[in-house]
Amino acid sequence: MTPARERVADALVLALAKVAVGAWVLHQGFTHVSDDDYARTVIAQQLAHAPRLDPSATSWLPLPFWLEGAAMTVAGRTLGVARAVAVVLGAASVAAPYLAMRAAGMRRAAAMVATAVTMALPWNAWLGVATVPEGWVGAVAAAGIVSMDRDVARPWAAAALLAASLSRYEAWPACAVLAALCAWRATHGGARRRELVCAAVALAGPAAWLAWNAHAHGDALHFLARVTTFRRAIGAADVPLGDKLLGYPRALVEETPEVAVLGALGLLGLAARPLRERWRWPALTVLAVVAFLVVGDVRDGAPTHHPARALTAVWWVLAAMGIDALFTRLTLLASGAPLAQIGRRHRSPVWLTAVAATLGAAWCVSLPARWGSSPGRSEAERREPQIARGMELRARGVEGAVVTPCAFEHFALLAAWGAPERATVEPRTGQTPTATCPDVVER
């Protein structure tokens, strides 16, 4: 099998495994991470009904809505379509970091293991089947980060980060690092024209969004002002400074402890020159992303709920770094090869394979229970009653209704109805959501 076919076959296997993980998670009863999942589905439905350049007209970046809205235009404005889009994009996206790892020089086995481990992390498993249309972004952003220091892959890295930067803000510092790398290469013997084009592509997403906000709202940072205002309105800004400084590092350790361990191994691996040459720019980029999020949290401009959701690209990179370092070090140790021969092919001995298989099996056994502890399962968070009511409105072809929500639970009803333009949404009452929320008066 040629190297190209080998990589295509590997990517297909990984995509099928991702679908299997998603099917298991859904079988366990996962429905959503938060009401944001349904809110974004509603925005995609509105876009399919009345296309516009800025689907949300808020702080949310547009590309995920363009993709989901386009699918809904063809297949219908239903929760089923939203779920299908998430599953397909999530499965397809795992090929990107795998191929980036191979382009960066990782061995086939290490890249396969790193991809399988990261895509099976509970948060990645949940986001891969949530109706929020952006579960694929972390994998694509990570692909750009991992491959940015390879000349042949840098144009693809720029394209990946362009897509990610139009989807999630935490991709923006990665775009800045790639632009800096391109500028450095352009002045140190690289293909000047190509590097400058890559830098322009990497910065195009943030630049376009800033320009759009300046045009549409009179303020290039209008999106940031909206986030800050919302966080302060709901009390999310009233958090001690220490918690803001440690929020994202704590989420990394508590929500994905295996990534924290692998990341530490990866950082230790940077002591070896070959590994350092492969991972110095991705490691710098991860540091920039985490710093960006921490500063945003301190200044009340970071994501409001579930900080782990903003760390998806970080998980991919740290896991790849750690597994690469682990495979390389243990294989060289077992083979007796000198460290200078890092990067050559070595066969792993039977005992090493057995140890790795045992650890991997133990980790896999722990996953179903962790997948089952997903968000959205408490009584206050359950949205089955709202979805059932929305489906009933859809089945009866209700022409219009006045909806008075308690909090944000009404988005599940609207998403299930599939015709949000028919609803007039009144101000929230502020009551704790129950099965009878929201109040719906048909007209």
Protein backbone atom coordinates (compact mmCIF):
# COMPACT_ATOMS: atom_id res chain seq x y z
CA MET A 1 0.00 0.00 0.00
CA THR A 2 1.36 3.41 -0.95
CA PRO A 3 1.88 6.00 1.82
CA ALA A 4 -0.99 8.09 0.48
CA ARG A 5 -3.40 5.16 0.47
CA GLU A 6 -2.18 4.12 3.89
CA ARG A 7 -3.05 7.52 5.31
CA VAL A 8 -6.45 7.57 3.61
CA ALA A 9 -7.22 4.13 5.02
CA ASP A 10 -6.12 5.20 8.50
CA ALA A 11 -8.24 8.33 8.33
CA LEU A 12 -11.27 6.28 7.30
CA VAL A 13 -10.78 3.87 10.20
CA LEU A 14 -10.50 6.77 12.63
CA ALA A 15 -13.61 8.44 11.23
CA LEU A 16 -15.60 5.22 11.63
CA ALA A 17 -14.32 4.86 15.18
CA LYS A 18 -15.44 8.43 15.88
CA VAL A 19 -18.94 7.58 14.62
CA ALA A 20 -18.98 4.53 16.90
CA VAL A 21 -18.01 6.67 19.90
CA GLY A 22 -20.76 9.13 19.06
CA ALA A 23 -23.33 6.35 18.69
CA TRP A 24 -22.39 4.98 22.12
CA VAL A 25 -22.65 8.41 23.72
CA LEU A 26 -26.09 8.99 22.22
CA HIS A 27 -27.16 5.51 23.30
CA GLN A 28 -26.19 6.44 26.85
CA GLY A 29 -28.70 9.28 26.75
CA PHE A 30 -26.60 12.32 25.88
CA THR A 31 -28.70 15.16 24.47
CA HIS A 32 -26.91 18.47 24.92
CA VAL A 33 -24.16 20.29 26.78
CA SER A 34 -26.13 23.45 27.48
CA ASP A 35 -28.98 25.55 26.10
CA ASP A 36 -26.40 27.13 23.79
CA ASP A 37 -26.60 23.94 21.70
CA TYR A 38 -30.24 24.60 20.93
CA ALA A 39 -29.76 28.35 20.63
CA ARG A 40 -27.22 27.85 17.87
CA THR A 41 -29.47 25.33 16.16
CA VAL A 42 -32.19 27.98 16.13
CA ILE A 43 -29.78 30.46 14.54
CA ALA A 44 -28.94 27.94 11.81
CA GLN A 45 -32.66 27.41 11.22
CA GLN A 46 -33.17 31.15 10.92
CA LEU A 47 -30.31 31.33 8.44
CA ALA A 48 -31.84 28.57 6.32
CA HIS A 49 -35.12 30.50 6.33
CA ALA A 50 -33.61 33.92 5.60
CA PRO A 51 -29.93 33.82 4.56
CA ARG A 52 -27.65 36.62 5.73
CA LEU A 53 -23.93 37.17 6.08
CA ASP A 54 -23.91 37.40 9.89
CA PRO A 55 -26.29 34.64 11.03
CA SER A 56 -26.43 35.46 14.75
CA ALA A 57 -25.91 39.25 14.61
CA THR A 58 -24.25 38.81 18.01
CA SER A 59 -20.78 37.72 19.08
CA TRP A 60 -20.93 34.22 17.60
CA LEU A 61 -18.67 33.66 14.61
CA PRO A 62 -20.44 32.74 11.37
CA LEU A 63 -18.86 29.70 9.69
CA PRO A 64 -20.55 26.93 11.76
CA PHE A 65 -23.95 28.51 11.05
CA TRP A 66 -23.18 28.79 7.34
CA LEU A 67 -22.42 25.07 7.21
CA GLU A 68 -25.40 23.93 9.27
CA GLY A 69 -27.74 26.42 7.66
CA ALA A 70 -26.73 25.18 4.21
CA ALA A 71 -27.46 21.60 5.24
CA MET A 72 -30.84 22.62 6.62
CA THR A 73 -31.70 24.43 3.42
CA VAL A 74 -31.36 21.11 1.61
CA ALA A 75 -32.44 18.55 4.23
CA GLY A 76 -34.87 20.46 6.43
CA ARG A 77 -34.81 22.54 9.59
CA THR A 78 -34.95 19.80 12.19
CA LEU A 79 -32.98 18.71 15.24
CA GLY A 80 -32.23 15.48 13.40
CA VAL A 81 -30.46 17.36 10.63
CA ALA A 82 -28.53 19.39 13.20
CA ARG A 83 -27.42 16.18 14.92
CA ALA A 84 -26.48 14.56 11.61
CA VAL A 85 -24.37 17.58 10.59
CA ALA A 86 -22.52 17.40 13.92
CA VAL A 87 -21.84 13.67 13.55
CA VAL A 88 -20.64 13.93 9.94
CA LEU A 89 -18.42 16.96 10.50
CA GLY A 90 -17.07 15.53 13.77
CA ALA A 91 -16.19 12.22 12.12
CA ALA A 92 -14.62 13.85 9.09
CA SER A 93 -12.62 16.32 11.16
CA VAL A 94 -10.53 13.67 12.96
CA ALA A 95 -8.67 13.05 9.71
CA ALA A 96 -7.21 16.57 9.87
CA PRO A 97 -5.09 16.24 13.04
CA TYR A 98 -4.04 12.70 12.09
CA LEU A 99 -2.75 13.84 8.70
CA ALA A 100 -1.12 16.87 10.32
CA MET A 101 0.70 14.64 12.80
CA ARG A 102 2.00 12.48 9.97
CA ALA A 103 3.07 15.57 8.03
CA ALA A 104 4.90 16.79 11.13
CA GLY A 105 6.90 13.56 11.27
CA MET A 106 5.08 11.40 13.80
CA ARG A 107 5.21 7.67 13.29
CA ARG A 108 2.05 6.00 12.06
CA ALA A 109 1.29 4.13 15.29
CA ALA A 110 1.86 7.21 17.45
CA ALA A 111 -0.37 9.38 15.25
CA MET A 112 -3.13 6.75 15.25
CA VAL A 113 -3.02 6.39 19.03
CA ALA A 114 -2.91 10.15 19.61
CA THR A 115 -5.92 10.68 17.35
CA ALA A 116 -7.90 7.83 18.88
CA VAL A 117 -7.19 8.95 22.44
CA THR A 118 -8.08 12.58 21.84
CA MET A 119 -11.25 11.99 19.86
CA ALA A 120 -12.49 9.65 22.62
CA LEU A 121 -12.04 12.18 25.42
CA PRO A 122 -15.45 12.72 27.06
CA TRP A 123 -15.72 16.35 26.01
CA ASN A 124 -14.75 15.55 22.43
CA ALA A 125 -17.21 12.65 22.43
CA TRP A 126 -20.04 14.93 23.62
CA LEU A 127 -19.25 17.85 21.34
CA GLY A 128 -18.98 15.49 18.40
CA VAL A 129 -22.71 14.69 18.61
CA ALA A 130 -24.11 17.87 20.18
CA THR A 131 -26.38 19.95 17.98
CA VAL A 132 -24.08 22.93 18.43
CA PRO A 133 -22.48 23.21 14.98
CA GLU A 134 -18.83 23.55 16.00
CA GLY A 135 -17.64 20.30 17.53
CA TRP A 136 -15.25 19.86 14.60
CA VAL A 137 -13.40 23.16 15.12
CA GLY A 138 -10.89 21.99 17.72
CA ALA A 139 -9.60 19.17 15.50
CA VAL A 140 -9.22 21.46 12.50
CA ALA A 141 -7.50 24.17 14.53
CA ALA A 142 -5.14 21.58 16.02
CA ALA A 143 -4.28 20.33 12.53
CA GLY A 144 -3.17 23.83 11.62
CA ILE A 145 -1.17 24.19 14.81
CA VAL A 146 0.58 20.83 14.55
CA SER A 147 1.61 21.25 10.91
CA MET A 148 2.43 24.97 10.84
CA ASP A 149 6.20 24.45 11.04
CA ARG A 150 6.36 22.19 7.97
CA ASP A 151 6.98 24.09 4.75
CA VAL A 152 4.95 21.72 2.58
CA ALA A 153 2.00 21.75 4.99
CA ARG A 154 1.98 25.44 5.93
CA PRO A 155 -0.56 26.50 3.26
CA TRP A 156 -2.91 23.81 4.55
CA ALA A 157 -2.26 24.97 8.11
CA ALA A 158 -3.21 28.51 7.14
CA ALA A 159 -6.42 27.29 5.50
CA ALA A 160 -7.31 25.20 8.56
CA LEU A 161 -6.77 28.13 10.91
CA LEU A 162 -8.78 30.41 8.62
CA ALA A 163 -11.75 28.06 8.97
CA ALA A 164 -11.22 27.74 12.72
CA SER A 165 -10.85 31.51 13.21
CA LEU A 166 -14.26 32.04 11.61
CA SER A 167 -15.73 29.56 14.08
CA ARG A 168 -14.09 30.00 17.51
CA TYR A 169 -12.15 32.92 18.98
CA GLU A 170 -9.50 30.76 20.64
CA ALA A 171 -8.16 30.05 17.15
CA TRP A 172 -7.17 33.71 16.81
CA PRO A 173 -3.91 33.54 18.80
CA ALA A 174 -2.94 30.49 16.73
CA CYS A 175 -3.49 32.58 13.60
CA ALA A 176 -1.22 35.27 15.05
CA VAL A 177 1.54 32.75 15.83
CA LEU A 178 1.33 31.28 12.32
CA ALA A 179 1.51 34.76 10.79
CA ALA A 180 4.60 35.48 12.89
CA LEU A 181 6.16 32.19 11.79
CA CYS A 182 5.44 33.01 8.14
CA ALA A 183 7.00 36.45 8.53
CA TRP A 184 10.08 34.91 10.15
CA ARG A 185 10.38 32.35 7.35
CA ALA A 186 9.96 35.03 4.69
CA THR A 187 12.95 36.93 6.09
CA HIS A 188 15.12 33.86 6.72
CA GLY A 189 15.38 32.13 3.38
CA GLY A 190 11.82 30.93 2.87
CA ALA A 191 9.75 31.37 -0.27
CA ARG A 192 8.83 34.98 0.41
CA ARG A 193 5.69 35.16 -1.70
CA ARG A 194 4.28 31.89 -0.39
CA GLU A 195 4.98 32.81 3.22
CA LEU A 196 3.34 36.20 2.89
CA VAL A 197 0.27 34.60 1.31
CA CYS A 198 0.10 32.09 4.18
CA ALA A 199 0.31 34.91 6.71
CA ALA A 200 -2.47 36.80 4.93
CA VAL A 201 -4.69 33.71 4.86
CA ALA A 202 -4.08 33.04 8.55
CA LEU A 203 -5.04 36.58 9.50
CA ALA A 204 -7.95 36.88 7.06
CA GLY A 205 -10.56 35.46 9.44
CA PRO A 206 -9.94 37.76 12.41
CA ALA A 207 -9.42 40.75 10.08
CA ALA A 208 -12.70 40.09 8.25
CA TRP A 209 -14.66 39.74 11.49
CA LEU A 210 -13.20 42.95 12.93
CA ALA A 211 -14.00 44.77 9.70
CA TRP A 212 -17.54 43.41 9.67
CA ASN A 213 -18.17 44.54 13.25
CA ALA A 214 -16.83 48.00 12.43
CA HIS A 215 -19.15 48.17 9.41
CA ALA A 216 -22.27 46.65 10.96
CA HIS A 217 -22.01 47.98 14.50
CA GLY A 218 -19.66 50.93 14.32
CA ASP A 219 -17.14 49.22 16.57
CA ALA A 220 -14.57 46.63 15.52
CA LEU A 221 -14.73 45.11 19.01
CA HIS A 222 -18.51 45.11 19.25
CA PHE A 223 -18.54 41.31 19.72
CA LEU A 224 -16.28 41.61 22.75
CA ALA A 225 -18.49 44.29 24.30
CA ARG A 226 -21.52 41.99 23.90
CA VAL A 227 -19.80 39.12 25.67
CA THR A 228 -18.62 41.35 28.51
CA THR A 229 -22.06 42.89 28.95
CA PHE A 230 -23.72 39.47 29.02
CA ARG A 231 -21.26 38.01 31.52
CA ARG A 232 -21.74 40.94 33.85
CA ALA A 233 -25.52 40.80 33.49
CA ILE A 234 -25.72 37.16 34.61
CA GLY A 235 -23.08 37.48 37.33
CA ALA A 236 -20.40 35.45 35.55
CA ALA A 237 -17.98 38.36 35.97
CA ASP A 238 -18.31 38.32 39.76
CA VAL A 239 -15.67 35.67 40.19
CA PRO A 240 -12.49 36.10 42.28
CA LEU A 241 -9.42 37.03 40.29
CA GLY A 242 -7.64 33.87 41.38
CA ASP A 243 -10.41 31.71 39.92
CA LYS A 244 -10.23 33.63 36.66
CA LEU A 245 -6.48 33.17 36.44
CA LEU A 246 -6.69 29.45 37.17
CA GLY A 247 -10.00 28.65 35.48
CA TYR A 248 -8.67 27.27 32.22
CA PRO A 249 -5.58 25.48 33.62
CA ARG A 250 -7.86 23.93 36.26
CA ALA A 251 -10.36 22.85 33.61
CA LEU A 252 -7.54 21.23 31.65
CA VAL A 253 -6.40 19.19 34.66
CA GLU A 254 -9.83 18.34 36.07
CA GLU A 255 -11.73 17.65 32.87
CA THR A 256 -8.93 15.95 30.89
CA PRO A 257 -6.34 14.63 33.36
CA GLU A 258 -4.84 12.30 30.75
CA VAL A 259 -4.13 15.29 28.52
CA ALA A 260 -2.44 17.10 31.40
CA VAL A 261 -0.17 14.09 31.95
CA LEU A 262 0.57 13.68 28.24
CA GLY A 263 1.21 17.40 27.92
CA ALA A 264 3.76 17.22 30.74
CA LEU A 265 5.48 14.32 28.99
CA GLY A 266 5.47 16.27 25.77
CA LEU A 267 7.09 19.27 27.41
CA LEU A 268 9.78 17.03 28.90
CA GLY A 269 10.32 15.59 25.44
CA LEU A 270 11.28 19.04 24.17
CA ALA A 271 14.66 18.47 25.80
CA ALA A 272 15.48 16.21 22.84
CA ARG A 273 16.39 18.26 19.79
CA PRO A 274 14.44 16.23 17.19
CA LEU A 275 11.25 16.42 19.26
CA ARG A 276 11.90 20.06 20.01
CA GLU A 277 12.19 20.83 16.30
CA ARG A 278 8.85 19.13 15.71
CA TRP A 279 6.92 20.64 18.59
CA ARG A 280 8.42 24.01 19.51
CA TRP A 281 5.98 26.06 17.44
CA PRO A 282 2.89 24.01 18.39
CA ALA A 283 3.93 24.23 22.06
CA LEU A 284 4.35 28.01 21.76
CA THR A 285 0.93 28.21 20.11
CA VAL A 286 -0.74 26.23 22.88
CA LEU A 287 0.78 28.61 25.40
CA ALA A 288 -0.56 31.55 23.39
CA VAL A 289 -4.06 30.03 23.25
CA VAL A 290 -4.22 29.37 26.98
CA ALA A 291 -2.84 32.85 27.76
CA PHE A 292 -5.44 34.36 25.40
CA LEU A 293 -8.24 32.54 27.23
CA VAL A 294 -6.96 33.47 30.69
CA VAL A 295 -6.62 37.15 29.76
CA GLY A 296 -10.09 37.02 28.23
CA ASP A 297 -11.49 35.55 31.43
CA VAL A 298 -9.80 38.20 33.56
CA ARG A 299 -11.23 40.94 31.34
CA ASP A 300 -14.67 39.26 31.17
CA GLY A 301 -14.41 38.51 27.48
CA ALA A 302 -13.99 34.73 27.56
CA PRO A 303 -16.68 32.08 26.92
CA THR A 304 -19.33 32.16 29.62
CA HIS A 305 -20.05 28.47 30.22
CA HIS A 306 -18.01 25.27 30.31
CA PRO A 307 -14.41 26.49 29.89
CA ALA A 308 -13.40 23.02 28.72
CA ARG A 309 -15.17 23.67 25.41
CA ALA A 310 -12.57 26.30 24.53
CA LEU A 311 -9.66 23.91 25.09
CA THR A 312 -10.37 21.37 22.36
CA ALA A 313 -7.45 22.36 20.13
CA VAL A 314 -5.17 22.37 23.18
CA TRP A 315 -6.13 18.76 23.96
CA TRP A 316 -5.26 17.60 20.47
CA VAL A 317 -1.84 19.23 20.49
CA LEU A 318 -0.82 18.24 24.02
CA ALA A 319 -1.94 14.65 23.55
CA ALA A 320 0.00 14.41 20.30
CA MET A 321 3.11 15.89 21.90
CA GLY A 322 2.98 13.50 24.83
CA ILE A 323 2.27 10.36 22.83
CA ASP A 324 4.98 11.24 20.32
CA ALA A 325 7.49 11.72 23.12
CA LEU A 326 6.36 8.53 24.86
CA PHE A 327 6.53 6.35 21.74
CA THR A 328 9.88 7.77 20.75
CA ARG A 329 11.54 7.51 24.13
CA LEU A 330 10.30 4.02 24.99
CA THR A 331 11.06 2.61 21.58
CA LEU A 332 14.59 4.01 21.60
CA LEU A 333 15.10 2.77 25.15
CA ALA A 334 13.95 -0.71 24.27
CA SER A 335 15.94 -0.86 21.04
CA GLY A 336 19.10 0.55 22.53
CA ALA A 337 19.41 3.08 19.74
CA PRO A 338 21.11 6.38 20.50
CA LEU A 339 18.97 9.45 20.92
CA ALA A 340 20.55 10.94 17.81
CA GLN A 341 18.70 8.33 15.77
CA ILE A 342 15.29 9.62 16.80
CA GLY A 343 12.98 9.63 13.85
CA ARG A 344 14.29 6.39 12.32
CA ARG A 345 12.02 3.37 12.26
CA HIS A 346 12.33 0.97 15.19
CA ARG A 347 10.18 -2.04 15.97
CA SER A 348 8.69 -1.94 19.43
CA PRO A 349 9.49 -5.05 21.47
CA VAL A 350 6.72 -7.41 22.60
CA TRP A 351 6.87 -6.32 26.25
CA LEU A 352 6.47 -2.67 25.33
CA THR A 353 3.49 -3.45 23.14
CA ALA A 354 1.97 -5.49 25.97
CA VAL A 355 2.39 -2.68 28.51
CA ALA A 356 0.92 -0.12 26.13
CA ALA A 357 -2.00 -2.42 25.33
CA THR A 358 -2.71 -2.99 29.02
CA LEU A 359 -2.69 0.72 29.84
CA GLY A 360 -4.80 1.46 26.80
CA ALA A 361 -7.32 -1.23 27.70
CA ALA A 362 -7.64 0.08 31.26
CA TRP A 363 -8.24 3.59 29.97
CA CYS A 364 -10.82 2.37 27.46
CA VAL A 365 -12.68 0.49 30.18
CA SER A 366 -13.02 3.74 32.13
CA LEU A 367 -14.50 5.66 29.21
CA PRO A 368 -18.15 4.51 29.15
CA ALA A 369 -18.73 5.68 32.72
CA ARG A 370 -17.10 9.02 31.95
CA TRP A 371 -19.11 9.42 28.75
CA GLY A 372 -22.25 8.79 30.78
CA SER A 373 -21.55 11.70 33.15
CA SER A 374 -22.27 14.31 30.51
CA PRO A 375 -23.76 17.75 31.19
CA GLY A 376 -27.46 18.39 30.64
CA ARG A 377 -28.76 15.56 32.84
CA SER A 378 -29.96 17.39 35.96
CA GLU A 379 -33.65 18.14 36.39
CA ALA A 380 -33.06 21.84 35.74
CA GLU A 381 -31.11 21.05 32.56
CA ARG A 382 -33.27 18.34 31.00
CA ARG A 383 -35.02 19.53 27.85
CA GLU A 384 -37.06 16.49 26.76
CA PRO A 385 -40.38 18.19 27.72
CA GLN A 386 -39.54 21.29 25.69
CA ILE A 387 -38.46 19.19 22.71
CA ALA A 388 -41.66 17.16 22.87
CA ARG A 389 -43.74 20.35 22.91
CA GLY A 390 -41.79 21.77 19.99
CA MET A 391 -42.28 18.58 17.99
CA GLU A 392 -45.99 18.75 18.73
CA LEU A 393 -46.18 22.34 17.47
CA ARG A 394 -44.38 21.22 14.31
CA ALA A 395 -46.70 18.24 13.79
CA ARG A 396 -49.80 20.42 14.08
CA GLY A 397 -48.41 23.07 11.77
CA VAL A 398 -48.96 25.89 14.27
CA GLU A 399 -48.68 29.20 12.44
CA GLY A 400 -47.50 31.32 15.35
CA ALA A 401 -47.08 31.54 19.11
CA VAL A 402 -45.99 33.88 21.87
CA VAL A 403 -43.27 32.23 23.93
CA THR A 404 -42.39 33.44 27.45
CA PRO A 405 -39.28 31.62 28.73
CA CYS A 406 -38.18 31.15 32.30
CA ALA A 407 -34.49 31.21 31.37
CA PHE A 408 -33.04 29.81 28.13
CA GLU A 409 -34.98 26.55 27.96
CA HIS A 410 -37.20 27.88 25.18
CA PHE A 411 -34.43 27.36 22.62
CA ALA A 412 -34.97 23.59 22.83
CA LEU A 413 -38.65 24.09 22.04
CA LEU A 414 -37.90 26.43 19.13
CA ALA A 415 -35.26 24.10 17.72
CA ALA A 416 -37.65 21.14 17.84
CA TRP A 417 -40.42 23.24 16.27
CA GLY A 418 -38.07 24.14 13.43
CA ALA A 419 -39.76 27.43 12.59
CA PRO A 420 -38.33 30.04 14.99
CA GLU A 421 -39.55 32.90 12.78
CA ARG A 422 -43.11 31.99 13.83
CA ALA A 423 -42.40 32.66 17.50
CA THR A 424 -42.56 35.96 19.35
CA VAL A 425 -40.23 35.59 22.31
CA GLU A 426 -41.05 37.66 25.38
CA PRO A 427 -38.52 38.66 28.08
CA ARG A 428 -37.41 35.92 30.46
CA THR A 429 -39.21 35.64 33.79
CA GLY A 430 -36.04 34.59 35.62
CA GLN A 431 -37.71 31.56 37.20
CA THR A 432 -35.96 28.22 37.48
CA PRO A 433 -36.80 26.19 34.37
CA THR A 434 -39.29 23.36 34.84
CA ALA A 435 -41.11 21.00 32.49
CA THR A 436 -43.86 23.62 32.05
CA CYS A 437 -41.43 26.31 30.89
CA PRO A 438 -41.68 28.16 28.61
CA ASP A 439 -45.23 29.44 28.52
CA VAL A 440 -46.62 29.15 24.97
CA VAL A 441 -49.74 30.92 23.74
CA GLU A 442 -50.74 29.96 20.22
CA ARG A 443 -52.18 32.55 17.89
